[in-house]
C-alpha atoms as a PDB file:
ATOM      1  CA  MET A   1     -36.387  10.058  38.018  1.00  0.00           C
ATOM      2  CA  THR A   2     -36.203  13.506  39.606  1.00  0.00           C
ATOM      3  CA  THR A   3     -32.569  14.290  40.374  1.00  0.00           C
ATOM      4  CA  GLN A   4     -31.926  15.541  43.899  1.00  0.00           C
ATOM      5  CA  GLN A   5     -28.131  15.295  43.944  1.00  0.00           C
ATOM      6  CA  ARG A   6     -25.324  14.843  41.424  1.00  0.00           C
ATOM      7  CA  ILE A   7     -21.986  13.329  42.418  1.00  0.00           C
ATOM      8  CA  LEU A   8     -18.991  13.450  40.088  1.00  0.00           C
ATOM      9  CA  PHE A   9     -16.244  10.877  40.604  1.00  0.00           C
ATOM     10  CA  ILE A  10     -12.914  11.832  39.074  1.00  0.00           C
ATOM     11  CA  ARG A  11      -9.862   9.618  38.920  1.00  0.00           C
ATOM     12  CA  HIS A  12      -6.605  11.419  39.608  1.00  0.00           C
ATOM     13  CA  GLY A  13      -4.347  12.470  36.735  1.00  0.00           C
ATOM     14  CA  GLU A  14      -1.537  10.313  35.411  1.00  0.00           C
ATOM     15  CA  THR A  15       1.322   9.557  37.785  1.00  0.00           C
ATOM     16  CA  VAL A  16       4.917   8.451  37.523  1.00  0.00           C
ATOM     17  CA  GLY A  17       3.821   5.017  38.756  1.00  0.00           C
ATOM     18  CA  ASN A  18       1.033   4.719  36.169  1.00  0.00           C
ATOM     19  CA  LEU A  19       3.530   5.294  33.394  1.00  0.00           C
ATOM     20  CA  GLU A  20       6.002   2.825  34.896  1.00  0.00           C
ATOM     21  CA  GLN A  21       3.204   0.246  35.304  1.00  0.00           C
ATOM     22  CA  ILE A  22       3.498   0.048  39.072  1.00  0.00           C
ATOM     23  CA  ALA A  23       0.505  -0.530  41.336  1.00  0.00           C
ATOM     24  CA  HIS A  24       1.165   1.790  44.266  1.00  0.00           C
ATOM     25  CA  GLY A  25      -2.057   1.220  46.194  1.00  0.00           C
ATOM     26  CA  GLN A  26      -1.804   3.480  49.231  1.00  0.00           C
ATOM     27  CA  THR A  27       1.819   4.456  48.518  1.00  0.00           C
ATOM     28  CA  GLU A  28       2.580   7.949  47.249  1.00  0.00           C
ATOM     29  CA  SER A  29       3.199   8.495  43.533  1.00  0.00           C
ATOM     30  CA  PRO A  30       3.073  12.111  42.311  1.00  0.00           C
ATOM     31  CA  LEU A  31       1.372  13.447  39.216  1.00  0.00           C
ATOM     32  CA  ASN A  32       3.632  13.724  36.207  1.00  0.00           C
ATOM     33  CA  GLN A  33       3.409  16.617  33.750  1.00  0.00           C
ATOM     34  CA  ARG A  34       0.699  14.941  31.696  1.00  0.00           C
ATOM     35  CA  GLY A  35      -1.266  14.244  34.883  1.00  0.00           C
ATOM     36  CA  ILE A  36      -1.101  17.917  35.852  1.00  0.00           C
ATOM     37  CA  ALA A  37      -2.292  18.937  32.392  1.00  0.00           C
ATOM     38  CA  GLN A  38      -5.106  16.357  32.566  1.00  0.00           C
ATOM     39  CA  ALA A  39      -6.295  17.881  35.851  1.00  0.00           C
ATOM     40  CA  HIS A  40      -6.339  21.366  34.329  1.00  0.00           C
ATOM     41  CA  ALA A  41      -8.326  20.091  31.337  1.00  0.00           C
ATOM     42  CA  THR A  42     -10.823  18.357  33.620  1.00  0.00           C
ATOM     43  CA  GLY A  43     -11.340  21.483  35.692  1.00  0.00           C
ATOM     44  CA  GLU A  44     -11.919  23.531  32.546  1.00  0.00           C
ATOM     45  CA  GLU A  45     -14.410  20.950  31.289  1.00  0.00           C
ATOM     46  CA  ILE A  46     -16.487  20.960  34.476  1.00  0.00           C
ATOM     47  CA  SER A  47     -16.381  24.756  34.752  1.00  0.00           C
ATOM     48  CA  ALA A  48     -18.218  24.931  31.411  1.00  0.00           C
ATOM     49  CA  TRP A  49     -21.073  22.699  32.630  1.00  0.00           C
ATOM     50  CA  ASP A  50     -24.437  24.186  33.463  1.00  0.00           C
ATOM     51  CA  CYS A  51     -24.266  22.817  36.996  1.00  0.00           C
ATOM     52  CA  ARG A  52     -23.047  24.202  40.298  1.00  0.00           C
ATOM     53  CA  PHE A  53     -20.962  21.981  42.567  1.00  0.00           C
ATOM     54  CA  GLY A  54     -20.640  22.918  46.211  1.00  0.00           C
ATOM     55  CA  LYS A  55     -17.470  21.184  47.344  1.00  0.00           C
ATOM     56  CA  ILE A  56     -14.647  18.847  46.348  1.00  0.00           C
ATOM     57  CA  TYR A  57     -13.584  15.905  48.510  1.00  0.00           C
ATOM     58  CA  THR A  58     -10.325  14.095  47.819  1.00  0.00           C
ATOM     59  CA  SER A  59      -8.225  11.175  48.937  1.00  0.00           C
ATOM     60  CA  PRO A  60      -5.215  12.164  51.086  1.00  0.00           C
ATOM     61  CA  LEU A  61      -2.716  10.796  48.544  1.00  0.00           C
ATOM     62  CA  SER A  62      -1.023  13.617  46.656  1.00  0.00           C
ATOM     63  CA  ARG A  63      -2.021  12.349  43.206  1.00  0.00           C
ATOM     64  CA  ALA A  64      -5.704  12.799  44.093  1.00  0.00           C
ATOM     65  CA  ARG A  65      -5.227  15.809  46.354  1.00  0.00           C
ATOM     66  CA  ASP A  66      -3.256  17.723  43.719  1.00  0.00           C
ATOM     67  CA  THR A  67      -5.767  16.824  41.009  1.00  0.00           C
ATOM     68  CA  GLY A  68      -8.549  18.108  43.255  1.00  0.00           C
ATOM     69  CA  SER A  69      -6.644  21.296  44.077  1.00  0.00           C
ATOM     70  CA  ILE A  70      -6.244  22.139  40.393  1.00  0.00           C
ATOM     71  CA  ILE A  71      -9.967  21.555  39.775  1.00  0.00           C
ATOM     72  CA  LYS A  72     -10.762  23.608  42.895  1.00  0.00           C
ATOM     73  CA  GLU A  73      -8.929  26.609  41.437  1.00  0.00           C
ATOM     74  CA  LYS A  74     -10.920  26.322  38.208  1.00  0.00           C
ATOM     75  CA  LEU A  75     -14.267  26.147  40.011  1.00  0.00           C
ATOM     76  CA  GLY A  76     -13.630  28.397  42.994  1.00  0.00           C
ATOM     77  CA  ILE A  77     -15.129  25.998  45.533  1.00  0.00           C
ATOM     78  CA  PRO A  78     -13.746  24.553  48.798  1.00  0.00           C
ATOM     79  CA  LEU A  79     -11.830  21.296  49.060  1.00  0.00           C
ATOM     80  CA  GLU A  80     -11.565  18.827  51.917  1.00  0.00           C
ATOM     81  CA  VAL A  81      -9.286  15.815  52.271  1.00  0.00           C
ATOM     82  CA  VAL A  82     -10.971  12.657  53.596  1.00  0.00           C
ATOM     83  CA  GLU A  83      -8.903   9.671  54.702  1.00  0.00           C
ATOM     84  CA  GLY A  84     -11.612   7.163  53.746  1.00  0.00           C
ATOM     85  CA  LEU A  85     -11.309   8.046  50.040  1.00  0.00           C
ATOM     86  CA  ILE A  86      -7.790   6.606  49.866  1.00  0.00           C
ATOM     87  CA  GLU A  87      -7.007   3.869  47.341  1.00  0.00           C
ATOM     88  CA  GLY A  88      -7.353   0.205  48.254  1.00  0.00           C
ATOM     89  CA  PHE A  89      -4.567  -1.304  50.342  1.00  0.00           C
ATOM     90  CA  LEU A  90      -2.619  -3.896  48.348  1.00  0.00           C
ATOM     91  CA  GLY A  91      -0.815  -5.497  51.290  1.00  0.00           C
ATOM     92  CA  ILE A  92       2.264  -7.402  50.137  1.00  0.00           C
ATOM     93  CA  LEU A  93       1.537  -6.201  46.587  1.00  0.00           C
ATOM     94  CA  GLU A  94       2.016  -2.503  47.359  1.00  0.00           C
ATOM     95  CA  ASN A  95       4.384  -1.158  44.669  1.00  0.00           C
ATOM     96  CA  ALA A  96       4.198  -4.377  42.630  1.00  0.00           C
ATOM     97  CA  THR A  97       4.498  -4.125  38.875  1.00  0.00           C
ATOM     98  CA  TYR A  98       1.472  -4.960  36.765  1.00  0.00           C
ATOM     99  CA  GLN A  99       3.339  -8.079  35.628  1.00  0.00           C
ATOM    100  CA  GLU A 100       3.812  -9.155  39.248  1.00  0.00           C
ATOM    101  CA  LEU A 101       0.110  -8.568  39.941  1.00  0.00           C
ATOM    102  CA  GLY A 102      -0.696 -10.836  37.020  1.00  0.00           C
ATOM    103  CA  GLU A 103       1.699 -13.543  38.167  1.00  0.00           C
ATOM    104  CA  PHE A 104       0.112 -13.441  41.632  1.00  0.00           C
ATOM    105  CA  GLY A 105      -3.323 -13.799  40.049  1.00  0.00           C
ATOM    106  CA  PHE A 106      -4.600 -10.680  41.798  1.00  0.00           C
ATOM    107  CA  GLY A 107      -7.137  -9.605  39.187  1.00  0.00           C
ATOM    108  CA  THR A 108      -8.360 -13.092  38.304  1.00  0.00           C
ATOM    109  CA  LYS A 109      -8.817 -14.124  41.928  1.00  0.00           C
ATOM    110  CA  SER A 110     -10.440 -10.815  42.899  1.00  0.00           C
ATOM    111  CA  LEU A 111     -12.987 -11.227  40.106  1.00  0.00           C
ATOM    112  CA  LYS A 112     -13.904 -14.720  41.331  1.00  0.00           C
ATOM    113  CA  ASP A 113     -13.936 -14.080  45.085  1.00  0.00           C
ATOM    114  CA  ASP A 114     -15.369 -10.914  46.664  1.00  0.00           C
ATOM    115  CA  ASP A 115     -13.517 -11.779  49.892  1.00  0.00           C
ATOM    116  CA  PHE A 116     -10.136 -12.507  48.273  1.00  0.00           C
ATOM    117  CA  ASN A 117      -7.232 -11.227  50.383  1.00  0.00           C
ATOM    118  CA  GLU A 118      -4.313 -13.602  49.900  1.00  0.00           C
ATOM    119  CA  HIS A 119      -2.277 -10.427  49.378  1.00  0.00           C
ATOM    120  CA  ARG A 120      -3.061  -9.472  52.996  1.00  0.00           C
ATOM    121  CA  GLY A 121      -4.642  -6.226  51.857  1.00  0.00           C
ATOM    122  CA  GLU A 122      -8.250  -5.121  51.475  1.00  0.00           C
ATOM    123  CA  SER A 123     -10.605  -7.618  49.861  1.00  0.00           C
ATOM    124  CA  PRO A 124     -13.044  -6.375  47.195  1.00  0.00           C
ATOM    125  CA  ASN A 125     -15.846  -6.408  49.773  1.00  0.00           C
ATOM    126  CA  GLN A 126     -13.753  -4.550  52.354  1.00  0.00           C
ATOM    127  CA  LEU A 127     -12.723  -1.843  49.898  1.00  0.00           C
ATOM    128  CA  GLY A 128     -16.249  -1.471  48.529  1.00  0.00           C
ATOM    129  CA  ASP A 129     -17.754  -1.231  52.013  1.00  0.00           C
ATOM    130  CA  ARG A 130     -15.172   1.308  53.176  1.00  0.00           C
ATOM    131  CA  ILE A 131     -15.564   3.607  50.173  1.00  0.00           C
ATOM    132  CA  PHE A 132     -19.349   3.297  50.216  1.00  0.00           C
ATOM    133  CA  ARG A 133     -19.558   4.266  53.900  1.00  0.00           C
ATOM    134  CA  THR A 134     -17.238   7.213  53.306  1.00  0.00           C
ATOM    135  CA  VAL A 135     -19.202   8.564  50.355  1.00  0.00           C
ATOM    136  CA  GLU A 136     -22.506   8.125  52.189  1.00  0.00           C
ATOM    137  CA  ARG A 137     -21.183  10.126  55.151  1.00  0.00           C
ATOM    138  CA  ILE A 138     -20.111  12.886  52.765  1.00  0.00           C
ATOM    139  CA  ARG A 139     -23.492  12.879  51.025  1.00  0.00           C
ATOM    140  CA  ASP A 140     -25.340  13.000  54.338  1.00  0.00           C
ATOM    141  CA  THR A 141     -23.426  16.176  55.187  1.00  0.00           C
ATOM    142  CA  HIS A 142     -24.657  17.865  51.991  1.00  0.00           C
ATOM    143  CA  PRO A 143     -28.292  16.872  51.350  1.00  0.00           C
ATOM    144  CA  GLY A 144     -29.368  17.982  47.894  1.00  0.00           C
ATOM    145  CA  GLU A 145     -25.974  19.553  47.093  1.00  0.00           C
ATOM    146  CA  ASN A 146     -23.917  18.528  44.055  1.00  0.00           C
ATOM    147  CA  LEU A 147     -20.417  17.325  44.939  1.00  0.00           C
ATOM    148  CA  ILE A 148     -17.127  16.232  43.357  1.00  0.00           C
ATOM    149  CA  ILE A 149     -15.079  13.317  44.686  1.00  0.00           C
ATOM    150  CA  VAL A 150     -11.496  12.858  43.469  1.00  0.00           C
ATOM    151  CA  SER A 151     -10.137   9.411  44.226  1.00  0.00           C
ATOM    152  CA  HIS A 152      -8.532   6.391  42.596  1.00  0.00           C
ATOM    153  CA  GLY A 153      -9.319   3.813  39.945  1.00  0.00           C
ATOM    154  CA  ALA A 154      -9.978   0.813  42.180  1.00  0.00           C
ATOM    155  CA  ALA A 155     -11.640   2.849  44.933  1.00  0.00           C
ATOM    156  CA  ILE A 156     -14.144   4.404  42.534  1.00  0.00           C
ATOM    157  CA  ALA A 157     -14.802   1.114  40.724  1.00  0.00           C
ATOM    158  CA  HIS A 158     -15.512  -0.716  43.981  1.00  0.00           C
ATOM    159  CA  TYR A 159     -17.797   2.100  45.145  1.00  0.00           C
ATOM    160  CA  LEU A 160     -19.819   1.949  41.927  1.00  0.00           C
ATOM    161  CA  ALA A 161     -20.223  -1.824  42.179  1.00  0.00           C
ATOM    162  CA  LYS A 162     -21.514  -1.420  45.735  1.00  0.00           C
ATOM    163  CA  ALA A 163     -23.772   1.578  45.043  1.00  0.00           C
ATOM    164  CA  LEU A 164     -25.260   0.092  41.865  1.00  0.00           C
ATOM    165  CA  GLN A 165     -25.460  -3.408  43.371  1.00  0.00           C
ATOM    166  CA  THR A 166     -23.564  -5.089  40.552  1.00  0.00           C
ATOM    167  CA  ARG A 167     -21.170  -8.014  40.739  1.00  0.00           C
ATOM    168  CA  PRO A 168     -18.379  -8.735  41.117  1.00  0.00           C
ATOM    169  CA  ALA A 169     -17.474  -6.383  43.967  1.00  0.00           C
ATOM    170  CA  PHE A 170     -14.139  -5.849  42.168  1.00  0.00           C
ATOM    171  CA  GLY A 171     -16.034  -3.529  39.793  1.00  0.00           C
ATOM    172  CA  HIS A 172     -13.685  -4.061  36.834  1.00  0.00           C
ATOM    173  CA  GLN A 173     -16.352  -2.796  34.412  1.00  0.00           C
ATOM    174  CA  TYR A 174     -16.095   0.649  36.018  1.00  0.00           C
ATOM    175  CA  LEU A 175     -12.339   1.189  35.733  1.00  0.00           C
ATOM    176  CA  MET A 176     -11.509   4.713  34.603  1.00  0.00           C
ATOM    177  CA  HIS A 177      -8.972   6.612  32.530  1.00  0.00           C
ATOM    178  CA  ASN A 178      -6.756   9.083  34.357  1.00  0.00           C
ATOM    179  CA  ALA A 179      -8.801  12.273  34.911  1.00  0.00           C
ATOM    180  CA  GLY A 180     -11.903  10.483  33.647  1.00  0.00           C
ATOM    181  CA  ILE A 181     -15.294  11.655  34.890  1.00  0.00           C
ATOM    182  CA  THR A 182     -18.125   9.423  36.104  1.00  0.00           C
ATOM    183  CA  GLU A 183     -21.445  10.829  37.319  1.00  0.00           C
ATOM    184  CA  LEU A 184     -24.119   9.367  39.569  1.00  0.00           C
ATOM    185  CA  SER A 185     -27.420  11.102  40.198  1.00  0.00           C
ATOM    186  CA  PHE A 186     -29.660  10.327  43.165  1.00  0.00           C
ATOM    187  CA  ASP A 187     -33.426  10.779  43.252  1.00  0.00           C
ATOM    188  CA  GLU A 188     -35.720  11.772  46.096  1.00  0.00           C
ATOM    189  CA  ILE A 189     -35.663   8.252  47.576  1.00  0.00           C
ATOM    190  CA  ASN A 190     -31.883   7.984  47.208  1.00  0.00           C
ATOM    191  CA  ARG A 191     -31.840   5.663  44.198  1.00  0.00           C
ATOM    192  CA  PRO A 192     -28.602   6.036  42.192  1.00  0.00           C
ATOM    193  CA  GLU A 193     -28.476   6.271  38.408  1.00  0.00           C
ATOM    194  CA  LEU A 194     -25.291   6.023  36.363  1.00  0.00           C
ATOM    195  CA  VAL A 195     -25.445   9.079  34.109  1.00  0.00           C
ATOM    196  CA  LEU A 196     -21.884   9.194  32.809  1.00  0.00           C
ATOM    197  CA  LEU A 197     -19.152   6.552  32.878  1.00  0.00           C
ATOM    198  CA  ASN A 198     -15.487   7.275  32.297  1.00  0.00           C
ATOM    199  CA  GLN A 199     -15.884  10.430  30.215  1.00  0.00           C
ATOM    200  CA  TYR A 200     -12.454  11.552  29.035  1.00  0.00           C
ATOM    201  CA  LYS A 201     -13.190  13.068  25.632  1.00  0.00           C
ATOM    202  CA  HIS A 202     -12.344  16.449  27.143  1.00  0.00           C
ATOM    203  CA  LEU A 203      -8.701  15.329  27.075  1.00  0.00           C
ATOM    204  CA  SER A 204      -6.776  16.048  23.893  1.00  0.00           C
ATOM    205  CA  VAL A 205      -5.117  13.123  22.121  1.00  0.00           C
ATOM    206  CA  GLU A 206      -1.817  14.197  23.652  1.00  0.00           C
ATOM    207  CA  LEU A 207      -3.343  13.993  27.127  1.00  0.00           C
ATOM    208  CA  GLN A 208      -4.902  10.574  26.681  1.00  0.00           C
ATOM    209  CA  SER A 209      -2.775   7.865  28.210  1.00  0.00           C
ATOM    210  CA  ASP A 210      -1.147   4.963  26.423  1.00  0.00           C
ATOM    211  CA  PRO A 211      -3.955   2.523  25.449  1.00  0.00           C
ATOM    212  CA  MET A 212      -1.610  -0.433  26.022  1.00  0.00           C
ATOM    213  CA  ARG A 213      -1.380   0.318  29.732  1.00  0.00           C
ATOM    214  CA  ARG A 214      -3.151  -2.375  31.701  1.00  0.00           C
ATOM    215  CA  ASP A 215      -4.817   0.105  34.068  1.00  0.00           C
ATOM    216  CA  GLN A 216      -6.399   1.898  31.111  1.00  0.00           C
ATOM    217  CA  HIS A 217      -8.440  -0.993  29.682  1.00  0.00           C
ATOM    218  CA  VAL A 218     -11.680   0.962  29.589  1.00  0.00           C
ATOM    219  CA  PRO A 219     -14.673   1.011  27.217  1.00  0.00           C
ATOM    220  CA  GLU A 220     -15.191   3.871  24.801  1.00  0.00           C
END
């Protein structure tokens, strides 16, 4: 496979809500001090790579936007906020605790049904389609140029499931650590290849989040 374009997907740094085990969805939750430090470490990591990235695109939510801005300063490249990169809408479960999500059966039902939306939010298919269309529009604007996309755990996971044509659409196997890095490369006929999944070894032990957190159940 001859690589024509590399896309890095970065989950935002740790937030107040992450630490409090609250699922904010599209609600604001700012980076905490560890999240800010994670963003700095991620920017330093990418700046040492033998690869030039042309632009950063971020979700409009401050946790992603601020993560992207810190990385932008490390790399010296432009940044643009794109509404379509926002996290999935959780409907009546916006700002629910992880325990409340479990009691509602959100994860279990989403894994079984790609069109699940009892929560009156975005279904797995709706979120995957929305993120996929957004990323494809961004890629079409930069043919052959390497890019960085800073977004959210569920948004990135659903995109990967759609792009790599894996099931379920919920994409739970692609969930990422805060400030984790995932890379897709695309060849000359636009076939994606997963090159890197959830790389966070650039984070010191102090910057790695609590492994007992339910949004951090990720493979090594």
